Amino acid sequence: MKIVVCIKQVPDTVEVKIDPKTGTLIRDGVPSIINHDDKTGIEAALTLREQLGGTVTVVSMGPPQADVALREALAMGCDEAILVSGREFGGSDTYATSGILAAALKKIGYDLIITGRQAIDGDTAQVGPQIAEKLHVPQVSYVEEVKEATEDYVVVKRQFEDGYHIIKIKTPCLLTAIAELATPRYMTVRGIVEAYEKEIKILGFEDLKDGLELDMIGLKGSPTNVYQSFTKEVKGAGTILKDLSADEAVKAIVAKLEEKFII
């Protein structure tokens, strides 16, 4: 089975700060990591390879520095890494990104595609499902367990609002992974050494242009854009009402609302 995992290099959100003047992320000096859900997808793919045989290819779209994330995936045990990169792709929103990745996946080939549910820097959860739509393959999102897998189909447990679904889906297909799906393994020393000995293949605009909607890539071709990013304002400590009866509490709350001219 040929398994392809799509990953994204994201800023570590623990360290992220917002420029108060521009409203944009301050990325200088902020460490980058593999998106958490994507790393879970890597582990799920490696586990399936151990059960069924085959290969695991990891793909990332981004600038040249995304090489670091791809080598981490190789050090975890992936067989091949591919970077989708080009100036023409810069500024792509989720729609444009999914189109570019779909073109890359057609060129690479696949039996099973795994993506993370969503990226911690955007939280849209759109790219995985959009890739499946553009490739015309079935998809299951929010996968928390792979219960059975063969060359022809997989059976998965899908998280749902108040329960779960058990779904059997034919391959080729796409799954989006959530944190409960797997616990990512650590890199090994040997894996790290071998990761830096392997070549990372680069697919650029010229390699993919025949499979792209040329007017729907990059910043100009993106139907959406982020107007502004900002942090929530810190709220005051508030007032705690203690040792009041229900009627006294209601009167105190109403008085406070009247004081603030809310009512």
C-alpha atoms as a PDB file:
ATOM      1  CA  MET A   1       0.000   0.000   0.000  1.00  0.00           C
ATOM      2  CA  LYS A   2       1.267   3.447  -0.917  1.00  0.00           C
ATOM      3  CA  ILE A   3       0.351   5.826   1.898  1.00  0.00           C
ATOM      4  CA  VAL A   4       0.859   9.564   1.509  1.00  0.00           C
ATOM      5  CA  VAL A   5       0.713  11.875   4.514  1.00  0.00           C
ATOM      6  CA  CYS A   6       0.236  15.621   4.036  1.00  0.00           C
ATOM      7  CA  ILE A   7       1.892  17.696   6.755  1.00  0.00           C
ATOM      8  CA  LYS A   8       2.308  21.382   7.491  1.00  0.00           C
ATOM      9  CA  GLN A   9       5.109  23.194   9.278  1.00  0.00           C
ATOM     10  CA  VAL A  10       3.478  25.640  11.699  1.00  0.00           C
ATOM     11  CA  PRO A  11       4.690  28.121  14.324  1.00  0.00           C
ATOM     12  CA  ASP A  12       4.632  26.745  17.857  1.00  0.00           C
ATOM     13  CA  THR A  13       1.515  28.540  19.090  1.00  0.00           C
ATOM     14  CA  VAL A  14       2.791  28.532  22.671  1.00  0.00           C
ATOM     15  CA  GLU A  15       5.316  31.127  21.512  1.00  0.00           C
ATOM     16  CA  VAL A  16       3.190  33.086  19.031  1.00  0.00           C
ATOM     17  CA  LYS A  17       2.605  36.797  19.543  1.00  0.00           C
ATOM     18  CA  ILE A  18       0.588  39.316  17.531  1.00  0.00           C
ATOM     19  CA  ASP A  19       2.019  42.621  16.302  1.00  0.00           C
ATOM     20  CA  PRO A  20      -0.399  45.178  17.852  1.00  0.00           C
ATOM     21  CA  LYS A  21       0.128  47.639  14.988  1.00  0.00           C
ATOM     22  CA  THR A  22      -0.220  45.347  11.970  1.00  0.00           C
ATOM     23  CA  GLY A  23      -2.398  42.622  13.517  1.00  0.00           C
ATOM     24  CA  THR A  24      -0.184  39.934  11.966  1.00  0.00           C
ATOM     25  CA  LEU A  25       1.742  37.042  13.525  1.00  0.00           C
ATOM     26  CA  ILE A  26       5.267  37.816  14.677  1.00  0.00           C
ATOM     27  CA  ARG A  27       7.165  34.850  13.265  1.00  0.00           C
ATOM     28  CA  ASP A  28      10.726  36.047  13.870  1.00  0.00           C
ATOM     29  CA  GLY A  29      12.374  33.891  16.479  1.00  0.00           C
ATOM     30  CA  VAL A  30       9.309  31.640  16.839  1.00  0.00           C
ATOM     31  CA  PRO A  31      10.174  27.915  16.591  1.00  0.00           C
ATOM     32  CA  SER A  32       8.419  25.864  13.920  1.00  0.00           C
ATOM     33  CA  ILE A  33       6.997  22.386  14.460  1.00  0.00           C
ATOM     34  CA  ILE A  34       5.061  19.729  12.568  1.00  0.00           C
ATOM     35  CA  ASN A  35       1.349  20.396  13.055  1.00  0.00           C
ATOM     36  CA  HIS A  36       0.095  18.133  15.858  1.00  0.00           C
ATOM     37  CA  ASP A  37      -2.730  16.393  13.967  1.00  0.00           C
ATOM     38  CA  ASP A  38      -0.400  15.833  10.998  1.00  0.00           C
ATOM     39  CA  LYS A  39       2.155  14.144  13.244  1.00  0.00           C
ATOM     40  CA  THR A  40      -0.607  11.848  14.455  1.00  0.00           C
ATOM     41  CA  GLY A  41      -1.290  11.053  10.794  1.00  0.00           C
ATOM     42  CA  ILE A  42       2.362  10.126  10.303  1.00  0.00           C
ATOM     43  CA  GLU A  43       2.204   7.654  13.166  1.00  0.00           C
ATOM     44  CA  ALA A  44      -1.008   6.108  11.837  1.00  0.00           C
ATOM     45  CA  ALA A  45       0.607   5.694   8.411  1.00  0.00           C
ATOM     46  CA  LEU A  46       3.735   4.070   9.853  1.00  0.00           C
ATOM     47  CA  THR A  47       1.590   1.656  11.879  1.00  0.00           C
ATOM     48  CA  LEU A  48      -0.389   0.688   8.765  1.00  0.00           C
ATOM     49  CA  ARG A  49       2.844   0.128   6.837  1.00  0.00           C
ATOM     50  CA  GLU A  50       4.043  -2.223   9.568  1.00  0.00           C
ATOM     51  CA  GLN A  51       0.792  -4.183   9.269  1.00  0.00           C
ATOM     52  CA  LEU A  52       0.335  -4.220   5.482  1.00  0.00           C
ATOM     53  CA  GLY A  53       3.741  -3.445   3.999  1.00  0.00           C
ATOM     54  CA  GLY A  54       4.226  -0.754   1.409  1.00  0.00           C
ATOM     55  CA  THR A  55       5.647   2.755   1.722  1.00  0.00           C
ATOM     56  CA  VAL A  56       4.932   6.036   3.495  1.00  0.00           C
ATOM     57  CA  THR A  57       5.565   9.271   1.614  1.00  0.00           C
ATOM     58  CA  VAL A  58       5.295  12.581   3.430  1.00  0.00           C
ATOM     59  CA  VAL A  59       4.383  15.749   1.498  1.00  0.00           C
ATOM     60  CA  SER A  60       4.466  19.359   2.622  1.00  0.00           C
ATOM     61  CA  MET A  61       3.690  22.584   0.806  1.00  0.00           C
ATOM     62  CA  GLY A  62       5.697  25.562   1.975  1.00  0.00           C
ATOM     63  CA  PRO A  63       8.927  27.543   1.709  1.00  0.00           C
ATOM     64  CA  PRO A  64      12.361  25.858   1.576  1.00  0.00           C
ATOM     65  CA  GLN A  65      12.642  25.851   5.384  1.00  0.00           C
ATOM     66  CA  ALA A  66       9.818  23.278   5.537  1.00  0.00           C
ATOM     67  CA  ASP A  67      12.666  20.882   4.723  1.00  0.00           C
ATOM     68  CA  VAL A  68      13.230  20.626   8.494  1.00  0.00           C
ATOM     69  CA  ALA A  69       9.737  19.258   9.134  1.00  0.00           C
ATOM     70  CA  LEU A  70      10.091  16.756   6.298  1.00  0.00           C
ATOM     71  CA  ARG A  71      13.396  15.480   7.678  1.00  0.00           C
ATOM     72  CA  GLU A  72      11.788  15.033  11.092  1.00  0.00           C
ATOM     73  CA  ALA A  73       9.140  12.871   9.405  1.00  0.00           C
ATOM     74  CA  LEU A  74      11.886  10.864   7.697  1.00  0.00           C
ATOM     75  CA  ALA A  75      13.620  10.424  11.063  1.00  0.00           C
ATOM     76  CA  MET A  76      10.357   9.023  12.445  1.00  0.00           C
ATOM     77  CA  GLY A  77      10.461   6.347   9.735  1.00  0.00           C
ATOM     78  CA  CYS A  78       8.845   7.699   6.553  1.00  0.00           C
ATOM     79  CA  ASP A  79      10.339   6.336   3.325  1.00  0.00           C
ATOM     80  CA  GLU A  80      10.215   9.417   1.124  1.00  0.00           C
ATOM     81  CA  ALA A  81       9.700  13.178   1.519  1.00  0.00           C
ATOM     82  CA  ILE A  82       8.475  15.666  -1.066  1.00  0.00           C
ATOM     83  CA  LEU A  83       8.401  19.461  -0.762  1.00  0.00           C
ATOM     84  CA  VAL A  84       5.863  21.345  -2.866  1.00  0.00           C
ATOM     85  CA  SER A  85       7.313  24.822  -3.159  1.00  0.00           C
ATOM     86  CA  GLY A  86       7.318  27.790  -5.500  1.00  0.00           C
ATOM     87  CA  ARG A  87       6.879  31.553  -5.461  1.00  0.00           C
ATOM     88  CA  GLU A  88       3.732  31.114  -7.499  1.00  0.00           C
ATOM     89  CA  PHE A  89       2.159  29.245  -4.566  1.00  0.00           C
ATOM     90  CA  GLY A  90       2.847  31.950  -1.959  1.00  0.00           C
ATOM     91  CA  GLY A  91      -0.178  33.363  -0.132  1.00  0.00           C
ATOM     92  CA  SER A  92      -2.501  30.521  -1.109  1.00  0.00           C
ATOM     93  CA  ASP A  93      -5.628  30.103   1.001  1.00  0.00           C
ATOM     94  CA  THR A  94      -7.122  26.688   1.767  1.00  0.00           C
ATOM     95  CA  TYR A  95      -8.863  26.398  -1.618  1.00  0.00           C
ATOM     96  CA  ALA A  96      -5.710  27.217  -3.569  1.00  0.00           C
ATOM     97  CA  THR A  97      -3.546  25.066  -1.278  1.00  0.00           C
ATOM     98  CA  SER A  98      -5.791  22.025  -1.703  1.00  0.00           C
ATOM     99  CA  GLY A  99      -5.689  22.414  -5.486  1.00  0.00           C
ATOM    100  CA  ILE A 100      -1.897  22.550  -5.505  1.00  0.00           C
ATOM    101  CA  LEU A 101      -1.588  19.548  -3.178  1.00  0.00           C
ATOM    102  CA  ALA A 102      -4.134  17.587  -5.226  1.00  0.00           C
ATOM    103  CA  ALA A 103      -2.031  18.188  -8.347  1.00  0.00           C
ATOM    104  CA  ALA A 104       1.057  16.986  -6.467  1.00  0.00           C
ATOM    105  CA  LEU A 105      -0.733  13.876  -5.208  1.00  0.00           C
ATOM    106  CA  LYS A 106      -1.867  12.975  -8.722  1.00  0.00           C
ATOM    107  CA  LYS A 107       1.768  13.111  -9.795  1.00  0.00           C
ATOM    108  CA  ILE A 108       3.004  11.098  -6.796  1.00  0.00           C
ATOM    109  CA  GLY A 109       0.283   8.418  -6.783  1.00  0.00           C
ATOM    110  CA  TYR A 110      -1.450   6.998  -3.702  1.00  0.00           C
ATOM    111  CA  ASP A 111      -3.631   4.267  -2.256  1.00  0.00           C
ATOM    112  CA  LEU A 112      -4.385   6.061   1.003  1.00  0.00           C
ATOM    113  CA  ILE A 113      -3.997   9.746   1.872  1.00  0.00           C
ATOM    114  CA  ILE A 114      -3.860  10.898   5.497  1.00  0.00           C
ATOM    115  CA  THR A 115      -3.993  14.529   6.588  1.00  0.00           C
ATOM    116  CA  GLY A 116      -4.365  16.129   9.974  1.00  0.00           C
ATOM    117  CA  ARG A 117      -7.848  17.337  10.871  1.00  0.00           C
ATOM    118  CA  GLN A 118      -6.702  20.965  10.993  1.00  0.00           C
ATOM    119  CA  ALA A 119      -3.615  23.138  11.417  1.00  0.00           C
ATOM    120  CA  ILE A 120      -3.063  24.983  14.686  1.00  0.00           C
ATOM    121  CA  ASP A 121      -2.191  28.228  12.881  1.00  0.00           C
ATOM    122  CA  GLY A 122      -5.401  28.375  10.832  1.00  0.00           C
ATOM    123  CA  ASP A 123      -7.916  25.993  12.460  1.00  0.00           C
ATOM    124  CA  THR A 124     -10.013  25.742   9.291  1.00  0.00           C
ATOM    125  CA  ALA A 125     -10.118  21.927   8.889  1.00  0.00           C
ATOM    126  CA  GLN A 126     -10.726  22.555   5.174  1.00  0.00           C
ATOM    127  CA  VAL A 127      -7.638  21.419   3.250  1.00  0.00           C
ATOM    128  CA  GLY A 128      -8.020  17.653   3.771  1.00  0.00           C
ATOM    129  CA  PRO A 129     -11.666  17.460   2.656  1.00  0.00           C
ATOM    130  CA  GLN A 130     -10.987  19.842  -0.244  1.00  0.00           C
ATOM    131  CA  ILE A 131      -8.138  17.624  -1.478  1.00  0.00           C
ATOM    132  CA  ALA A 132     -10.482  14.620  -1.471  1.00  0.00           C
ATOM    133  CA  GLU A 133     -13.113  16.544  -3.433  1.00  0.00           C
ATOM    134  CA  LYS A 134     -10.583  17.635  -6.050  1.00  0.00           C
ATOM    135  CA  LEU A 135      -9.216  14.114  -6.407  1.00  0.00           C
ATOM    136  CA  HIS A 136     -12.748  12.654  -6.498  1.00  0.00           C
ATOM    137  CA  VAL A 137     -11.944  10.100  -3.793  1.00  0.00           C
ATOM    138  CA  PRO A 138     -14.091   9.179  -0.768  1.00  0.00           C
ATOM    139  CA  GLN A 139     -13.137  10.685   2.567  1.00  0.00           C
ATOM    140  CA  VAL A 140     -13.712  10.271   6.284  1.00  0.00           C
ATOM    141  CA  SER A 141     -12.889  13.139   8.629  1.00  0.00           C
ATOM    142  CA  TYR A 142     -12.229  13.123  12.384  1.00  0.00           C
ATOM    143  CA  VAL A 143     -10.823   9.588  12.397  1.00  0.00           C
ATOM    144  CA  GLU A 144      -9.961   8.451  15.917  1.00  0.00           C
ATOM    145  CA  GLU A 145      -9.200   4.771  15.201  1.00  0.00           C
ATOM    146  CA  VAL A 146      -8.369   2.506  12.273  1.00  0.00           C
ATOM    147  CA  LYS A 147     -10.132  -0.723  13.180  1.00  0.00           C
ATOM    148  CA  GLU A 148      -9.245  -2.760  10.077  1.00  0.00           C
ATOM    149  CA  ALA A 149      -7.171  -2.142   6.968  1.00  0.00           C
ATOM    150  CA  THR A 150      -6.545  -4.065   3.756  1.00  0.00           C
ATOM    151  CA  GLU A 151      -5.307  -3.137   0.296  1.00  0.00           C
ATOM    152  CA  ASP A 152      -8.920  -2.709  -0.830  1.00  0.00           C
ATOM    153  CA  TYR A 153     -10.615  -0.956   2.090  1.00  0.00           C
ATOM    154  CA  VAL A 154     -10.242   0.476   5.576  1.00  0.00           C
ATOM    155  CA  VAL A 155     -12.672   0.427   8.494  1.00  0.00           C
ATOM    156  CA  VAL A 156     -12.432   3.471  10.738  1.00  0.00           C
ATOM    157  CA  LYS A 157     -14.064   4.909  13.827  1.00  0.00           C
ATOM    158  CA  ARG A 158     -15.118   8.496  13.236  1.00  0.00           C
ATOM    159  CA  GLN A 159     -15.624  10.876  16.124  1.00  0.00           C
ATOM    160  CA  PHE A 160     -19.062  12.467  16.181  1.00  0.00           C
ATOM    161  CA  GLU A 161     -20.693  15.112  18.366  1.00  0.00           C
ATOM    162  CA  ASP A 162     -22.478  12.750  20.740  1.00  0.00           C
ATOM    163  CA  GLY A 163     -21.083   9.374  19.703  1.00  0.00           C
ATOM    164  CA  TYR A 164     -19.132   7.789  16.879  1.00  0.00           C
ATOM    165  CA  HIS A 165     -19.542   6.221  13.450  1.00  0.00           C
ATOM    166  CA  ILE A 166     -17.977   2.977  12.202  1.00  0.00           C
ATOM    167  CA  ILE A 167     -17.345   3.436   8.476  1.00  0.00           C
ATOM    168  CA  LYS A 168     -15.988   1.043   5.847  1.00  0.00           C
ATOM    169  CA  ILE A 169     -14.436   2.924   2.945  1.00  0.00           C
ATOM    170  CA  LYS A 170     -12.850   1.670  -0.275  1.00  0.00           C
ATOM    171  CA  THR A 171      -9.357   2.683  -1.276  1.00  0.00           C
ATOM    172  CA  PRO A 172      -8.093   4.949  -2.683  1.00  0.00           C
ATOM    173  CA  CYS A 173      -9.471   7.311  -0.063  1.00  0.00           C
ATOM    174  CA  LEU A 174      -8.545  10.141   2.288  1.00  0.00           C
ATOM    175  CA  LEU A 175      -8.680  10.215   6.089  1.00  0.00           C
ATOM    176  CA  THR A 176      -8.246  13.221   8.382  1.00  0.00           C
ATOM    177  CA  ALA A 177      -6.645  12.389  11.723  1.00  0.00           C
ATOM    178  CA  ILE A 178      -7.394  13.694  15.202  1.00  0.00           C
ATOM    179  CA  ALA A 179      -5.146  13.426  18.269  1.00  0.00           C
ATOM    180  CA  GLU A 180      -6.865  10.285  19.576  1.00  0.00           C
ATOM    181  CA  LEU A 181      -5.856   8.291  16.492  1.00  0.00           C
ATOM    182  CA  ALA A 182      -2.264   7.630  17.584  1.00  0.00           C
ATOM    183  CA  THR A 183       0.600   8.746  19.790  1.00  0.00           C
ATOM    184  CA  PRO A 184       3.507   9.844  17.560  1.00  0.00           C
ATOM    185  CA  ARG A 185       6.731   7.925  18.051  1.00  0.00           C
ATOM    186  CA  TYR A 186      10.035   9.607  18.805  1.00  0.00           C
ATOM    187  CA  MET A 187      12.770   9.974  16.237  1.00  0.00           C
ATOM    188  CA  THR A 188      15.661   7.551  16.612  1.00  0.00           C
ATOM    189  CA  VAL A 189      19.332   8.500  16.439  1.00  0.00           C
ATOM    190  CA  ARG A 190      19.772   6.260  13.417  1.00  0.00           C
ATOM    191  CA  GLY A 191      16.645   7.760  11.873  1.00  0.00           C
ATOM    192  CA  ILE A 192      17.984  11.294  12.302  1.00  0.00           C
ATOM    193  CA  VAL A 193      21.295  10.396  10.674  1.00  0.00           C
ATOM    194  CA  GLU A 194      19.594   8.652   7.754  1.00  0.00           C
ATOM    195  CA  ALA A 195      17.082  11.487   7.350  1.00  0.00           C
ATOM    196  CA  TYR A 196      19.875  13.914   6.549  1.00  0.00           C
ATOM    197  CA  GLU A 197      21.400  11.480   4.080  1.00  0.00           C
ATOM    198  CA  LYS A 198      18.180  11.236   2.050  1.00  0.00           C
ATOM    199  CA  GLU A 199      17.274  13.584  -0.762  1.00  0.00           C
ATOM    200  CA  ILE A 200      14.049  15.558  -0.499  1.00  0.00           C
ATOM    201  CA  LYS A 201      12.349  15.839  -3.869  1.00  0.00           C
ATOM    202  CA  ILE A 202      10.987  19.272  -4.775  1.00  0.00           C
ATOM    203  CA  LEU A 203       7.889  19.774  -6.931  1.00  0.00           C
ATOM    204  CA  GLY A 204       7.569  23.331  -8.205  1.00  0.00           C
ATOM    205  CA  PHE A 205       5.192  25.242 -10.439  1.00  0.00           C
ATOM    206  CA  GLU A 206       6.717  23.893 -13.655  1.00  0.00           C
ATOM    207  CA  ASP A 207       6.284  20.319 -12.429  1.00  0.00           C
ATOM    208  CA  LEU A 208       2.615  20.774 -11.567  1.00  0.00           C
ATOM    209  CA  LYS A 209       1.263  23.468 -13.884  1.00  0.00           C
ATOM    210  CA  ASP A 210      -0.489  21.019 -16.217  1.00  0.00           C
ATOM    211  CA  GLY A 211      -2.642  19.808 -13.327  1.00  0.00           C
ATOM    212  CA  LEU A 212      -3.432  23.212 -11.812  1.00  0.00           C
ATOM    213  CA  GLU A 213      -6.205  25.762 -12.159  1.00  0.00           C
ATOM    214  CA  LEU A 214      -3.718  28.508 -12.991  1.00  0.00           C
ATOM    215  CA  ASP A 215      -6.085  31.309 -12.005  1.00  0.00           C
ATOM    216  CA  MET A 216      -6.722  29.687  -8.598  1.00  0.00           C
ATOM    217  CA  ILE A 217      -3.261  29.525  -7.029  1.00  0.00           C
ATOM    218  CA  GLY A 218      -1.258  31.901  -4.883  1.00  0.00           C
ATOM    219  CA  LEU A 219      -2.499  35.062  -3.231  1.00  0.00           C
ATOM    220  CA  LYS A 220      -4.170  36.445  -6.358  1.00  0.00           C
ATOM    221  CA  GLY A 221      -6.001  33.212  -7.029  1.00  0.00           C
ATOM    222  CA  SER A 222      -7.255  32.725  -3.465  1.00  0.00           C
ATOM    223  CA  PRO A 223     -10.969  33.450  -3.002  1.00  0.00           C
ATOM    224  CA  THR A 224     -10.426  34.278   0.692  1.00  0.00           C
ATOM    225  CA  ASN A 225      -7.832  36.233   2.657  1.00  0.00           C
ATOM    226  CA  VAL A 226      -7.105  37.005   6.298  1.00  0.00           C
ATOM    227  CA  TYR A 227      -7.952  40.645   6.961  1.00  0.00           C
ATOM    228  CA  GLN A 228      -6.513  40.775  10.478  1.00  0.00           C
ATOM    229  CA  SER A 229      -5.346  38.570  13.348  1.00  0.00           C
ATOM    230  CA  PHE A 230      -5.672  39.713  16.949  1.00  0.00           C
ATOM    231  CA  THR A 231      -5.547  38.424  20.496  1.00  0.00           C
ATOM    232  CA  LYS A 232      -8.557  38.511  22.770  1.00  0.00           C
ATOM    233  CA  GLU A 233      -8.640  41.390  25.223  1.00  0.00           C
ATOM    234  CA  VAL A 234      -8.012  40.326  28.799  1.00  0.00           C
ATOM    235  CA  LYS A 235     -11.149  40.637  30.890  1.00  0.00           C
ATOM    236  CA  GLY A 236     -11.190  42.144  34.361  1.00  0.00           C
ATOM    237  CA  ALA A 237     -11.392  39.992  37.444  1.00  0.00           C
ATOM    238  CA  GLY A 238     -15.139  40.624  37.829  1.00  0.00           C
ATOM    239  CA  THR A 239     -17.211  40.668  40.996  1.00  0.00           C
ATOM    240  CA  ILE A 240     -18.044  37.576  43.012  1.00  0.00           C
ATOM    241  CA  LEU A 241     -21.304  37.655  44.963  1.00  0.00           C
ATOM    242  CA  LYS A 242     -21.143  35.499  48.078  1.00  0.00           C
ATOM    243  CA  ASP A 243     -23.582  34.394  50.753  1.00  0.00           C
ATOM    244  CA  LEU A 244     -26.668  35.823  49.042  1.00  0.00           C
ATOM    245  CA  SER A 245     -30.089  34.306  48.728  1.00  0.00           C
ATOM    246  CA  ALA A 246     -31.517  33.834  45.254  1.00  0.00           C
ATOM    247  CA  ASP A 247     -33.634  37.004  45.536  1.00  0.00           C
ATOM    248  CA  GLU A 248     -30.718  39.039  46.865  1.00  0.00           C
ATOM    249  CA  ALA A 249     -28.460  37.773  44.062  1.00  0.00           C
ATOM    250  CA  VAL A 250     -31.028  38.742  41.412  1.00  0.00           C
ATOM    251  CA  LYS A 251     -31.383  42.245  42.892  1.00  0.00           C
ATOM    252  CA  ALA A 252     -27.588  42.676  43.020  1.00  0.00           C
ATOM    253  CA  ILE A 253     -27.151  41.560  39.391  1.00  0.00           C
ATOM    254  CA  VAL A 254     -29.965  43.814  38.163  1.00  0.00           C
ATOM    255  CA  ALA A 255     -28.474  46.758  40.054  1.00  0.00           C
ATOM    256  CA  LYS A 256     -25.074  46.152  38.485  1.00  0.00           C
ATOM    257  CA  LEU A 257     -26.612  45.945  34.973  1.00  0.00           C
ATOM    258  CA  GLU A 258     -28.475  49.202  35.585  1.00  0.00           C
ATOM    259  CA  GLU A 259     -25.262  50.803  36.816  1.00  0.00           C
ATOM    260  CA  LYS A 260     -23.536  49.825  33.558  1.00  0.00           C
ATOM    261  CA  PHE A 261     -26.552  51.089  31.536  1.00  0.00           C
ATOM    262  CA  ILE A 262     -27.007  47.619  30.054  1.00  0.00           C
ATOM    263  CA  ILE A 263     -30.647  47.650  31.122  1.00  0.00           C
END
